[in-house]
PDB file of N, CA and C in Angstrom:
ATOM      1  N   ASP A   1       4.078  -9.569-163.966  1.00  0.00           N
ATOM      2  CA  ASP A   1       3.006  -8.686-163.549  1.00  0.00           C
ATOM      3  C   ASP A   1       3.073  -7.383-164.333  1.00  0.00           C
ATOM      4  N   GLY A   2       2.007  -6.648-164.283  1.00  0.00           N
ATOM      5  CA  GLY A   2       1.998  -5.311-164.838  1.00  0.00           C
ATOM      6  C   GLY A   2       1.900  -5.245-166.344  1.00  0.00           C
ATOM      7  N   ILE A   3       2.318  -4.113-166.877  1.00  0.00           N
ATOM      8  CA  ILE A   3       2.185  -3.833-168.304  1.00  0.00           C
ATOM      9  C   ILE A   3       2.916  -4.863-169.170  1.00  0.00           C
ATOM     10  N   PRO A   4       4.162  -5.258-168.858  1.00  0.00           N
ATOM     11  CA  PRO A   4       4.802  -6.273-169.700  1.00  0.00           C
ATOM     12  C   PRO A   4       3.979  -7.559-169.791  1.00  0.00           C
ATOM     13  N   ALA A   5       3.413  -8.013-168.683  1.00  0.00           N
ATOM     14  CA  ALA A   5       2.591  -9.230-168.702  1.00  0.00           C
ATOM     15  C   ALA A   5       1.373  -9.040-169.593  1.00  0.00           C
ATOM     16  N   GLU A   6       0.765  -7.869-169.537  1.00  0.00           N
ATOM     17  CA  GLU A   6      -0.394  -7.584-170.388  1.00  0.00           C
ATOM     18  C   GLU A   6       0.001  -7.611-171.864  1.00  0.00           C
ATOM     19  N   ILE A   7       1.140  -7.046-172.182  1.00  0.00           N
ATOM     20  CA  ILE A   7       1.611  -7.027-173.573  1.00  0.00           C
ATOM     21  C   ILE A   7       1.846  -8.448-174.068  1.00  0.00           C
ATOM     22  N   PHE A   8       2.549  -9.252-173.275  1.00  0.00           N
ATOM     23  CA  PHE A   8       2.835 -10.625-173.695  1.00  0.00           C
ATOM     24  C   PHE A   8       1.558 -11.443-173.823  1.00  0.00           C
ATOM     25  N   ALA A   9       0.612 -11.241-172.922  1.00  0.00           N
ATOM     26  CA  ALA A   9      -0.665 -11.961-173.000  1.00  0.00           C
ATOM     27  C   ALA A   9      -1.409 -11.595-174.279  1.00  0.00           C
ATOM     28  N   LYS A  10      -1.391 -10.320-174.640  1.00  0.00           N
ATOM     29  CA  LYS A  10      -2.062  -9.899-175.876  1.00  0.00           C
ATOM     30  C   LYS A  10      -1.376 -10.468-177.114  1.00  0.00           C
ATOM     31  N   LEU A  11      -0.110 -10.820-176.978  1.00  0.00           N
ATOM     32  CA  LEU A  11       0.619 -11.446-178.080  1.00  0.00           C
ATOM     33  C   LEU A  11       0.420 -12.963-178.101  1.00  0.00           C
ATOM     34  N   GLY A  12      -0.356 -13.473-177.147  1.00  0.00           N
ATOM     35  CA  GLY A  12      -0.681 -14.895-177.122  1.00  0.00           C
ATOM     36  C   GLY A  12       0.103 -15.732-176.137  1.00  0.00           C
ATOM     37  N   ALA A  13       0.929 -15.112-175.328  1.00  0.00           N
ATOM     38  CA  ALA A  13       1.715 -15.872-174.350  1.00  0.00           C
ATOM     39  C   ALA A  13       0.862 -16.245-173.146  1.00  0.00           C
ATOM     40  N   ALA A  14       1.142 -17.408-172.584  1.00  0.00           N
ATOM     41  CA  ALA A  14       0.556 -17.800-171.303  1.00  0.00           C
ATOM     42  C   ALA A  14       1.542 -17.308-170.244  1.00  0.00           C
ATOM     43  N   VAL A  15       1.236 -16.209-169.611  1.00  0.00           N
ATOM     44  CA  VAL A  15       2.165 -15.549-168.694  1.00  0.00           C
ATOM     45  C   VAL A  15       2.241 -16.309-167.375  1.00  0.00           C
ATOM     46  N   SER A  16       3.456 -16.600-166.943  1.00  0.00           N
ATOM     47  CA  SER A  16       3.706 -17.245-165.656  1.00  0.00           C
ATOM     48  C   SER A  16       4.621 -16.341-164.851  1.00  0.00           C
ATOM     49  N   VAL A  17       4.185 -15.951-163.676  1.00  0.00           N
ATOM     50  CA  VAL A  17       5.015 -15.136-162.796  1.00  0.00           C
ATOM     51  C   VAL A  17       5.667 -16.086-161.796  1.00  0.00           C
ATOM     52  N   MET A  18       6.987 -16.006-161.687  1.00  0.00           N
ATOM     53  CA  MET A  18       7.709 -16.899-160.774  1.00  0.00           C
ATOM     54  C   MET A  18       8.884 -16.151-160.171  1.00  0.00           C
ATOM     55  N   PRO A  19       9.416 -16.663-159.061  1.00  0.00           N
ATOM     56  CA  PRO A  19      10.588 -16.026-158.461  1.00  0.00           C
ATOM     57  C   PRO A  19      11.762 -16.034-159.436  1.00  0.00           C
ATOM     58  N   GLY A  20      12.540 -14.993-159.415  1.00  0.00           N
ATOM     59  CA  GLY A  20      13.683 -14.888-160.307  1.00  0.00           C
ATOM     60  C   GLY A  20      14.654 -16.040-160.173  1.00  0.00           C
ATOM     61  N   THR A  21      14.744 -16.610-158.979  1.00  0.00           N
ATOM     62  CA  THR A  21      15.665 -17.726-158.755  1.00  0.00           C
ATOM     63  C   THR A  21      15.241 -18.991-159.490  1.00  0.00           C
ATOM     64  N   GLU A  22      14.001 -19.049-159.971  1.00  0.00           N
ATOM     65  CA  GLU A  22      13.500 -20.238-160.662  1.00  0.00           C
ATOM     66  C   GLU A  22      13.499 -20.098-162.184  1.00  0.00           C
ATOM     67  N   VAL A  23      13.709 -18.896-162.686  1.00  0.00           N
ATOM     68  CA  VAL A  23      13.548 -18.636-164.116  1.00  0.00           C
ATOM     69  C   VAL A  23      14.547 -19.414-164.970  1.00  0.00           C
ATOM     70  N   TYR A  24      15.824 -19.389-164.619  1.00  0.00           N
ATOM     71  CA  TYR A  24      16.840 -20.056-165.437  1.00  0.00           C
ATOM     72  C   TYR A  24      16.523 -21.541-165.589  1.00  0.00           C
ATOM     73  N   THR A  25      16.246 -22.220-164.475  1.00  0.00           N
ATOM     74  CA  THR A  25      15.955 -23.655-164.517  1.00  0.00           C
ATOM     75  C   THR A  25      14.682 -23.935-165.302  1.00  0.00           C
ATOM     76  N   ALA A  26      13.662 -23.109-165.114  1.00  0.00           N
ATOM     77  CA  ALA A  26      12.408 -23.297-165.849  1.00  0.00           C
ATOM     78  C   ALA A  26      12.630 -23.165-167.352  1.00  0.00           C
ATOM     79  N   LEU A  27      13.457 -22.236-167.752  1.00  0.00           N
ATOM     80  CA  LEU A  27      13.765 -22.055-169.171  1.00  0.00           C
ATOM     81  C   LEU A  27      14.625 -23.213-169.689  1.00  0.00           C
ATOM     82  N   ASP A  28      15.603 -23.610-168.904  1.00  0.00           N
ATOM     83  CA  ASP A  28      16.513 -24.680-169.309  1.00  0.00           C
ATOM     84  C   ASP A  28      15.803 -26.028-169.438  1.00  0.00           C
ATOM     85  N   THR A  29      14.813 -26.287-168.589  1.00  0.00           N
ATOM     86  CA  THR A  29      14.110 -27.573-168.603  1.00  0.00           C
ATOM     87  C   THR A  29      12.878 -27.580-169.499  1.00  0.00           C
ATOM     88  N   GLY A  30      12.531 -26.436-170.067  1.00  0.00           N
ATOM     89  CA  GLY A  30      11.372 -26.372-170.952  1.00  0.00           C
ATOM     90  C   GLY A  30      10.056 -26.103-170.253  1.00  0.00           C
ATOM     91  N   LYS A  31      10.098 -25.823-168.954  1.00  0.00           N
ATOM     92  CA  LYS A  31       8.869 -25.471-168.235  1.00  0.00           C
ATOM     93  C   LYS A  31       8.282 -24.185-168.809  1.00  0.00           C
ATOM     94  N   ILE A  32       9.158 -23.267-169.208  1.00  0.00           N
ATOM     95  CA  ILE A  32       8.750 -22.049-169.913  1.00  0.00           C
ATOM     96  C   ILE A  32       9.536 -21.982-171.216  1.00  0.00           C
ATOM     97  N   GLU A  33       9.007 -21.273-172.190  1.00  0.00           N
ATOM     98  CA  GLU A  33       9.650 -21.195-173.505  1.00  0.00           C
ATOM     99  C   GLU A  33      10.372 -19.882-173.749  1.00  0.00           C
ATOM    100  N   ALA A  34      10.095 -18.894-172.942  1.00  0.00           N
ATOM    101  CA  ALA A  34      10.714 -17.575-173.097  1.00  0.00           C
ATOM    102  C   ALA A  34      10.660 -16.869-171.753  1.00  0.00           C
ATOM    103  N   THR A  35      11.442 -15.823-171.641  1.00  0.00           N
ATOM    104  CA  THR A  35      11.425 -15.055-170.405  1.00  0.00           C
ATOM    105  C   THR A  35      11.685 -13.582-170.688  1.00  0.00           C
ATOM    106  N   ASP A  36      11.179 -12.760-169.825  1.00  0.00           N
ATOM    107  CA  ASP A  36      11.457 -11.330-169.829  1.00  0.00           C
ATOM    108  C   ASP A  36      12.224 -11.085-168.541  1.00  0.00           C
ATOM    109  N   TRP A  37      13.544 -11.125-168.643  1.00  0.00           N
ATOM    110  CA  TRP A  37      14.351 -11.124-167.429  1.00  0.00           C
ATOM    111  C   TRP A  37      15.615 -10.313-167.641  1.00  0.00           C
ATOM    112  N   GLY A  38      15.789  -9.255-166.913  1.00  0.00           N
ATOM    113  CA  GLY A  38      17.029  -8.507-166.885  1.00  0.00           C
ATOM    114  C   GLY A  38      17.434  -7.835-168.191  1.00  0.00           C
ATOM    115  N   THR A  39      18.609  -7.254-168.150  1.00  0.00           N
ATOM    116  CA  THR A  39      19.197  -6.629-169.329  1.00  0.00           C
ATOM    117  C   THR A  39      20.064  -7.659-170.050  1.00  0.00           C
ATOM    118  N   LEU A  40      20.510  -7.343-171.251  1.00  0.00           N
ATOM    119  CA  LEU A  40      21.353  -8.290-171.982  1.00  0.00           C
ATOM    120  C   LEU A  40      22.608  -8.653-171.201  1.00  0.00           C
ATOM    121  N   SER A  41      23.252  -7.689-170.579  1.00  0.00           N
ATOM    122  CA  SER A  41      24.483  -7.998-169.846  1.00  0.00           C
ATOM    123  C   SER A  41      24.197  -8.871-168.631  1.00  0.00           C
ATOM    124  N   VAL A  42      23.098  -8.619-167.932  1.00  0.00           N
ATOM    125  CA  VAL A  42      22.714  -9.457-166.786  1.00  0.00           C
ATOM    126  C   VAL A  42      22.395 -10.867-167.265  1.00  0.00           C
ATOM    127  N   ASN A  43      21.648 -10.971-168.358  1.00  0.00           N
ATOM    128  CA  ASN A  43      21.295 -12.286-168.901  1.00  0.00           C
ATOM    129  C   ASN A  43      22.535 -13.063-169.329  1.00  0.00           C
ATOM    130  N   ASP A  44      23.458 -12.405-170.018  1.00  0.00           N
ATOM    131  CA  ASP A  44      24.685 -13.077-170.455  1.00  0.00           C
ATOM    132  C   ASP A  44      25.514 -13.541-169.260  1.00  0.00           C
ATOM    133  N   GLU A  45      25.625 -12.681-168.256  1.00  0.00           N
ATOM    134  CA  GLU A  45      26.396 -13.035-167.066  1.00  0.00           C
ATOM    135  C   GLU A  45      25.798 -14.250-166.358  1.00  0.00           C
ATOM    136  N   ALA A  46      24.476 -14.374-166.388  1.00  0.00           N
ATOM    137  CA  ALA A  46      23.792 -15.500-165.747  1.00  0.00           C
ATOM    138  C   ALA A  46      23.762 -16.744-166.631  1.00  0.00           C
ATOM    139  N   GLY A  47      24.200 -16.625-167.892  1.00  0.00           N
ATOM    140  CA  GLY A  47      24.253 -17.767-168.786  1.00  0.00           C
ATOM    141  C   GLY A  47      23.017 -17.991-169.632  1.00  0.00           C
ATOM    142  N   TYR A  48      22.081 -17.066-169.603  1.00  0.00           N
ATOM    143  CA  TYR A  48      20.860 -17.221-170.401  1.00  0.00           C
ATOM    144  C   TYR A  48      21.174 -17.349-171.892  1.00  0.00           C
ATOM    145  N   ASN A  49      22.220 -16.697-172.348  1.00  0.00           N
ATOM    146  CA  ASN A  49      22.563 -16.753-173.776  1.00  0.00           C
ATOM    147  C   ASN A  49      22.936 -18.167-174.226  1.00  0.00           C
ATOM    148  N   ARG A  50      23.312 -19.044-173.305  1.00  0.00           N
ATOM    149  CA  ARG A  50      23.646 -20.426-173.667  1.00  0.00           C
ATOM    150  C   ARG A  50      22.396 -21.280-173.875  1.00  0.00           C
ATOM    151  N   ILE A  51      21.318 -20.972-173.167  1.00  0.00           N
ATOM    152  CA  ILE A  51      20.106 -21.791-173.285  1.00  0.00           C
ATOM    153  C   ILE A  51      19.012 -21.112-174.102  1.00  0.00           C
ATOM    154  N   ALA A  52      19.122 -19.810-174.269  1.00  0.00           N
ATOM    155  CA  ALA A  52      18.145 -19.047-175.058  1.00  0.00           C
ATOM    156  C   ALA A  52      18.911 -17.979-175.832  1.00  0.00           C
ATOM    157  N   PRO A  53      19.501 -18.350-176.969  1.00  0.00           N
ATOM    158  CA  PRO A  53      20.411 -17.448-177.666  1.00  0.00           C
ATOM    159  C   PRO A  53      19.755 -16.310-178.447  1.00  0.00           C
ATOM    160  N   PHE A  54      18.435 -16.263-178.491  1.00  0.00           N
ATOM    161  CA  PHE A  54      17.777 -15.231-179.291  1.00  0.00           C
ATOM    162  C   PHE A  54      17.150 -14.186-178.378  1.00  0.00           C
ATOM    163  N   ALA A  55      17.709 -13.002-178.393  1.00  0.00           N
ATOM    164  CA  ALA A  55      17.238 -11.924-177.524  1.00  0.00           C
ATOM    165  C   ALA A  55      16.617 -10.813-178.354  1.00  0.00           C
ATOM    166  N   ILE A  56      15.626 -10.175-177.790  1.00  0.00           N
ATOM    167  CA  ILE A  56      15.019  -8.990-178.395  1.00  0.00           C
ATOM    168  C   ILE A  56      15.431  -7.810-177.526  1.00  0.00           C
ATOM    169  N   TYR A  57      16.043  -6.817-178.141  1.00  0.00           N
ATOM    170  CA  TYR A  57      16.477  -5.658-177.369  1.00  0.00           C
ATOM    171  C   TYR A  57      16.267  -4.398-178.173  1.00  0.00           C
ATOM    172  N   PRO A  58      15.782  -3.340-177.617  1.00  0.00           N
ATOM    173  CA  PRO A  58      15.479  -3.210-176.200  1.00  0.00           C
ATOM    174  C   PRO A  58      14.235  -3.987-175.825  1.00  0.00           C
ATOM    175  N   GLY A  59      14.198  -4.448-174.606  1.00  0.00           N
ATOM    176  CA  GLY A  59      13.055  -5.189-174.090  1.00  0.00           C
ATOM    177  C   GLY A  59      11.882  -4.264-173.828  1.00  0.00           C
ATOM    178  N   VAL A  60      10.798  -4.857-173.403  1.00  0.00           N
ATOM    179  CA  VAL A  60       9.576  -4.093-173.151  1.00  0.00           C
ATOM    180  C   VAL A  60       9.802  -3.037-172.082  1.00  0.00           C
ATOM    181  N   HIS A  61      10.563  -3.366-171.073  1.00  0.00           N
ATOM    182  CA  HIS A  61      10.791  -2.401-169.998  1.00  0.00           C
ATOM    183  C   HIS A  61      12.260  -2.263-169.637  1.00  0.00           C
ATOM    184  N   SER A  62      13.143  -2.816-170.463  1.00  0.00           N
ATOM    185  CA  SER A  62      14.576  -2.706-170.190  1.00  0.00           C
ATOM    186  C   SER A  62      15.072  -1.314-170.544  1.00  0.00           C
ATOM    187  N   MET A  63      15.771  -0.728-169.608  1.00  0.00           N
ATOM    188  CA  MET A  63      16.342   0.588-169.866  1.00  0.00           C
ATOM    189  C   MET A  63      17.759   0.418-170.390  1.00  0.00           C
ATOM    190  N   ASN A  64      18.087   1.202-171.353  1.00  0.00           N
ATOM    191  CA  ASN A  64      19.446   1.201-171.851  1.00  0.00           C
ATOM    192  C   ASN A  64      20.331   1.841-170.794  1.00  0.00           C
ATOM    193  N   SER A  65      21.411   1.184-170.439  1.00  0.00           N
ATOM    194  CA  SER A  65      22.248   1.686-169.347  1.00  0.00           C
ATOM    195  C   SER A  65      23.296   2.693-169.807  1.00  0.00           C
ATOM    196  N   THR A  66      23.304   3.032-171.083  1.00  0.00           N
ATOM    197  CA  THR A  66      24.315   3.965-171.558  1.00  0.00           C
ATOM    198  C   THR A  66      23.733   5.282-172.053  1.00  0.00           C
ATOM    199  N   ASP A  67      22.470   5.506-171.813  1.00  0.00           N
ATOM    200  CA  ASP A  67      21.875   6.783-172.198  1.00  0.00           C
ATOM    201  C   ASP A  67      22.236   7.854-171.175  1.00  0.00           C
ATOM    202  N   PHE A  68      22.381   9.046-171.651  1.00  0.00           N
ATOM    203  CA  PHE A  68      22.551  10.167-170.744  1.00  0.00           C
ATOM    204  C   PHE A  68      22.033  11.419-171.425  1.00  0.00           C
ATOM    205  N   VAL A  69      21.782  12.425-170.621  1.00  0.00           N
ATOM    206  CA  VAL A  69      21.235  13.682-171.120  1.00  0.00           C
ATOM    207  C   VAL A  69      22.205  14.793-170.744  1.00  0.00           C
ATOM    208  N   VAL A  70      22.413  15.708-171.685  1.00  0.00           N
ATOM    209  CA  VAL A  70      23.309  16.833-171.437  1.00  0.00           C
ATOM    210  C   VAL A  70      22.705  18.078-172.086  1.00  0.00           C
ATOM    211  N   ARG A  71      22.885  19.195-171.445  1.00  0.00           N
ATOM    212  CA  ARG A  71      22.386  20.448-172.029  1.00  0.00           C
ATOM    213  C   ARG A  71      23.121  20.737-173.328  1.00  0.00           C
ATOM    214  N   ARG A  72      22.381  21.263-174.297  1.00  0.00           N
ATOM    215  CA  ARG A  72      22.972  21.563-175.598  1.00  0.00           C
ATOM    216  C   ARG A  72      24.171  22.509-175.463  1.00  0.00           C
ATOM    217  N   SER A  73      24.064  23.490-174.597  1.00  0.00           N
ATOM    218  CA  SER A  73      25.175  24.439-174.449  1.00  0.00           C
ATOM    219  C   SER A  73      26.436  23.740-173.937  1.00  0.00           C
ATOM    220  N   ARG A  74      26.276  22.791-173.037  1.00  0.00           N
ATOM    221  CA  ARG A  74      27.431  22.037-172.522  1.00  0.00           C
ATOM    222  C   ARG A  74      27.999  21.116-173.602  1.00  0.00           C
ATOM    223  N   TRP A  75      27.082  20.473-174.353  1.00  0.00           N
ATOM    224  CA  TRP A  75      27.527  19.595-175.444  1.00  0.00           C
ATOM    225  C   TRP A  75      28.324  20.394-176.471  1.00  0.00           C
ATOM    226  N   ASN A  76      27.789  21.522-176.860  1.00  0.00           N
ATOM    227  CA  ASN A  76      28.453  22.360-177.860  1.00  0.00           C
ATOM    228  C   ASN A  76      29.808  22.865-177.375  1.00  0.00           C
ATOM    229  N   ALA A  77      29.986  22.964-176.068  1.00  0.00           N
ATOM    230  CA  ALA A  77      31.248  23.443-175.513  1.00  0.00           C
ATOM    231  C   ALA A  77      32.322  22.350-175.450  1.00  0.00           C
ATOM    232  N   LEU A  78      31.938  21.100-175.638  1.00  0.00           N
ATOM    233  CA  LEU A  78      32.919  20.013-175.583  1.00  0.00           C
ATOM    234  C   LEU A  78      33.846  20.045-176.798  1.00  0.00           C
ATOM    235  N   PRO A  79      35.111  19.689-176.611  1.00  0.00           N
ATOM    236  CA  PRO A  79      36.020  19.566-177.749  1.00  0.00           C
ATOM    237  C   PRO A  79      35.575  18.406-178.647  1.00  0.00           C
ATOM    238  N   ALA A  80      35.938  18.465-179.905  1.00  0.00           N
ATOM    239  CA  ALA A  80      35.520  17.459-180.886  1.00  0.00           C
ATOM    240  C   ALA A  80      35.935  16.045-180.481  1.00  0.00           C
ATOM    241  N   ASP A  81      37.134  15.884-179.899  1.00  0.00           N
ATOM    242  CA  ASP A  81      37.581  14.536-179.527  1.00  0.00           C
ATOM    243  C   ASP A  81      36.728  13.936-178.416  1.00  0.00           C
ATOM    244  N   GLN A  82      36.247  14.774-177.491  1.00  0.00           N
ATOM    245  CA  GLN A  82      35.379  14.267-176.431  1.00  0.00           C
ATOM    246  C   GLN A  82      34.000  13.895-176.978  1.00  0.00           C
ATOM    247  N   LYS A  83      33.473  14.702-177.888  1.00  0.00           N
ATOM    248  CA  LYS A  83      32.198  14.356-178.530  1.00  0.00           C
ATOM    249  C   LYS A  83      32.330  13.030-179.270  1.00  0.00           C
ATOM    250  N   ALA A  84      33.441  12.858-179.987  1.00  0.00           N
ATOM    251  CA  ALA A  84      33.659  11.623-180.749  1.00  0.00           C
ATOM    252  C   ALA A  84      33.745  10.416-179.821  1.00  0.00           C
ATOM    253  N   ALA A  85      34.377  10.575-178.667  1.00  0.00           N
ATOM    254  CA  ALA A  85      34.496   9.465-177.718  1.00  0.00           C
ATOM    255  C   ALA A  85      33.130   9.035-177.198  1.00  0.00           C
ATOM    256  N   VAL A  86      32.262   9.990-176.945  1.00  0.00           N
ATOM    257  CA  VAL A  86      30.920   9.685-176.449  1.00  0.00           C
ATOM    258  C   VAL A  86      30.083   9.024-177.535  1.00  0.00           C
ATOM    259  N   GLN A  87      30.265   9.432-178.768  1.00  0.00           N
ATOM    260  CA  GLN A  87      29.452   8.925-179.871  1.00  0.00           C
ATOM    261  C   GLN A  87      29.987   7.636-180.477  1.00  0.00           C
ATOM    262  N   ALA A  88      31.178   7.221-180.101  1.00  0.00           N
ATOM    263  CA  ALA A  88      31.773   6.010-180.685  1.00  0.00           C
ATOM    264  C   ALA A  88      30.935   4.788-180.323  1.00  0.00           C
ATOM    265  N   PRO A  89      30.800   3.847-181.262  1.00  0.00           N
ATOM    266  CA  PRO A  89      30.022   2.625-180.972  1.00  0.00           C
ATOM    267  C   PRO A  89      30.707   1.733-179.962  1.00  0.00           C
TER     268      PRO A  89
END
């Protein structure tokens, strides 16, 4: 539903809205060919990476769970080692 469904429809997808409990089986059996479901870590934990190994990230509405905002004055006050720890991949 909503904006993601509109985007996928404009890209030519036949959008099917179904309960989340049915998505994995529908994808595994070929009832659907793709899904917009959860974050990468949620998808991997549920095993989606075994049946659909190609992911697009960031998703249409997936929020990155490691973003944060800090005031510049506070950032500038951090020691170099702490800044490096936050910026490390």
